[in-house]
């Protein structure tokens, strides 16, 4: 990984923060997928909660992308 000559921490913090968020999301979706295959009834609870969480992010923050970025900082 290349950094700038001033060795700014932003050069390293942004990629690591992005990879942490991607890894956490992948982990959550994987867990939900295994849980849905083993006990499919969980989808009756988890799908409405995911929709509700996304709607609340849009209402409170204005967009889903802004809410995801603000939680990673």
C-alpha atoms as a PDB file:
ATOM      1  CA  UNK A   1       0.000   0.000   0.000  1.00  0.00           C
ATOM      2  CA  UNK A   2       1.378   3.384  -0.978  1.00  0.00           C
ATOM      3  CA  UNK A   3       1.163   6.440   1.247  1.00  0.00           C
ATOM      4  CA  UNK A   4       1.860  10.075   0.475  1.00  0.00           C
ATOM      5  CA  UNK A   5       5.139  11.753   1.348  1.00  0.00           C
ATOM      6  CA  UNK A   6       3.619  13.575   4.346  1.00  0.00           C
ATOM      7  CA  UNK A   7       2.586  10.186   5.848  1.00  0.00           C
ATOM      8  CA  UNK A   8      -0.960  11.339   6.538  1.00  0.00           C
ATOM      9  CA  UNK A   9      -3.035   8.876   8.578  1.00  0.00           C
ATOM     10  CA  UNK A  10      -5.963   9.513   6.217  1.00  0.00           C
ATOM     11  CA  UNK A  11      -4.102   7.557   3.538  1.00  0.00           C
ATOM     12  CA  UNK A  12      -4.337   4.437   5.660  1.00  0.00           C
ATOM     13  CA  UNK A  13      -7.484   5.118   7.699  1.00  0.00           C
ATOM     14  CA  UNK A  14      -9.925   5.347   4.792  1.00  0.00           C
ATOM     15  CA  UNK A  15      -9.068   1.988   3.166  1.00  0.00           C
ATOM     16  CA  UNK A  16      -8.973   0.186   6.507  1.00  0.00           C
ATOM     17  CA  UNK A  17     -12.296   1.723   7.558  1.00  0.00           C
ATOM     18  CA  UNK A  18     -13.863   0.738   4.249  1.00  0.00           C
ATOM     19  CA  UNK A  19     -12.573  -2.827   4.506  1.00  0.00           C
ATOM     20  CA  UNK A  20     -13.788  -3.072   8.108  1.00  0.00           C
ATOM     21  CA  UNK A  21     -17.283  -1.955   7.071  1.00  0.00           C
ATOM     22  CA  UNK A  22     -17.312  -4.351   4.100  1.00  0.00           C
ATOM     23  CA  UNK A  23     -16.117  -7.237   6.271  1.00  0.00           C
ATOM     24  CA  UNK A  24     -18.689  -6.554   8.975  1.00  0.00           C
ATOM     25  CA  UNK A  25     -21.475  -6.348   6.377  1.00  0.00           C
ATOM     26  CA  UNK A  26     -20.358  -9.579   4.713  1.00  0.00           C
ATOM     27  CA  UNK A  27     -20.223 -11.297   8.093  1.00  0.00           C
ATOM     28  CA  UNK A  28     -23.731 -10.126   9.003  1.00  0.00           C
ATOM     29  CA  UNK A  29     -25.189 -11.194   5.646  1.00  0.00           C
ATOM     30  CA  UNK A  30     -23.452 -14.570   5.868  1.00  0.00           C
ATOM     31  CA  UNK A  31     -24.826 -15.175   9.350  1.00  0.00           C
ATOM     32  CA  UNK A  32     -28.309 -14.175   8.206  1.00  0.00           C
ATOM     33  CA  UNK A  33     -28.018 -16.483   5.178  1.00  0.00           C
ATOM     34  CA  UNK A  34     -27.047 -19.499   7.288  1.00  0.00           C
ATOM     35  CA  UNK A  35     -29.753 -18.690   9.810  1.00  0.00           C
ATOM     36  CA  UNK A  36     -32.360 -18.335   7.032  1.00  0.00           C
ATOM     37  CA  UNK A  37     -31.408 -21.708   5.546  1.00  0.00           C
ATOM     38  CA  UNK A  38     -31.478 -23.507   8.884  1.00  0.00           C
ATOM     39  CA  UNK A  39     -34.596 -21.803  10.256  1.00  0.00           C
ATOM     40  CA  UNK A  40     -36.439 -20.038   7.439  1.00  0.00           C
ATOM     41  CA  UNK A  41     -39.038 -18.628   9.854  1.00  0.00           C
ATOM     42  CA  UNK A  42     -36.451 -16.068  10.970  1.00  0.00           C
ATOM     43  CA  UNK A  43     -37.049 -14.234   7.673  1.00  0.00           C
ATOM     44  CA  UNK A  44     -40.479 -13.144   8.966  1.00  0.00           C
ATOM     45  CA  UNK A  45     -38.685 -11.096  11.629  1.00  0.00           C
ATOM     46  CA  UNK A  46     -35.381 -10.156  10.007  1.00  0.00           C
ATOM     47  CA  UNK A  47     -36.643  -8.844   6.642  1.00  0.00           C
ATOM     48  CA  UNK A  48     -39.070  -6.291   8.168  1.00  0.00           C
ATOM     49  CA  UNK A  49     -36.347  -5.184  10.630  1.00  0.00           C
ATOM     50  CA  UNK A  50     -33.861  -4.606   7.790  1.00  0.00           C
ATOM     51  CA  UNK A  51     -36.460  -2.602   5.843  1.00  0.00           C
ATOM     52  CA  UNK A  52     -37.297  -0.595   8.973  1.00  0.00           C
ATOM     53  CA  UNK A  53     -33.619   0.145   9.660  1.00  0.00           C
ATOM     54  CA  UNK A  54     -33.051   1.391   6.111  1.00  0.00           C
ATOM     55  CA  UNK A  55     -36.186   3.562   6.228  1.00  0.00           C
ATOM     56  CA  UNK A  56     -35.108   5.078   9.552  1.00  0.00           C
ATOM     57  CA  UNK A  57     -31.666   5.858   8.116  1.00  0.00           C
ATOM     58  CA  UNK A  58     -33.268   7.616   5.167  1.00  0.00           C
ATOM     59  CA  UNK A  59     -35.635   9.589   7.415  1.00  0.00           C
ATOM     60  CA  UNK A  60     -33.018  10.608   9.995  1.00  0.00           C
ATOM     61  CA  UNK A  61     -29.945  11.104   7.791  1.00  0.00           C
ATOM     62  CA  UNK A  62     -31.430  11.888   4.413  1.00  0.00           C
ATOM     63  CA  UNK A  63     -29.832   8.977   2.557  1.00  0.00           C
ATOM     64  CA  UNK A  64     -28.638   5.445   3.193  1.00  0.00           C
ATOM     65  CA  UNK A  65     -25.110   6.168   1.953  1.00  0.00           C
ATOM     66  CA  UNK A  66     -24.642   9.036   4.395  1.00  0.00           C
ATOM     67  CA  UNK A  67     -25.820   6.895   7.305  1.00  0.00           C
ATOM     68  CA  UNK A  68     -23.393   4.095   6.437  1.00  0.00           C
ATOM     69  CA  UNK A  69     -20.469   6.505   6.071  1.00  0.00           C
ATOM     70  CA  UNK A  70     -21.268   8.335   9.316  1.00  0.00           C
ATOM     71  CA  UNK A  71     -21.286   5.090  11.340  1.00  0.00           C
ATOM     72  CA  UNK A  72     -17.828   4.094  10.103  1.00  0.00           C
ATOM     73  CA  UNK A  73     -16.146   7.270  11.430  1.00  0.00           C
END
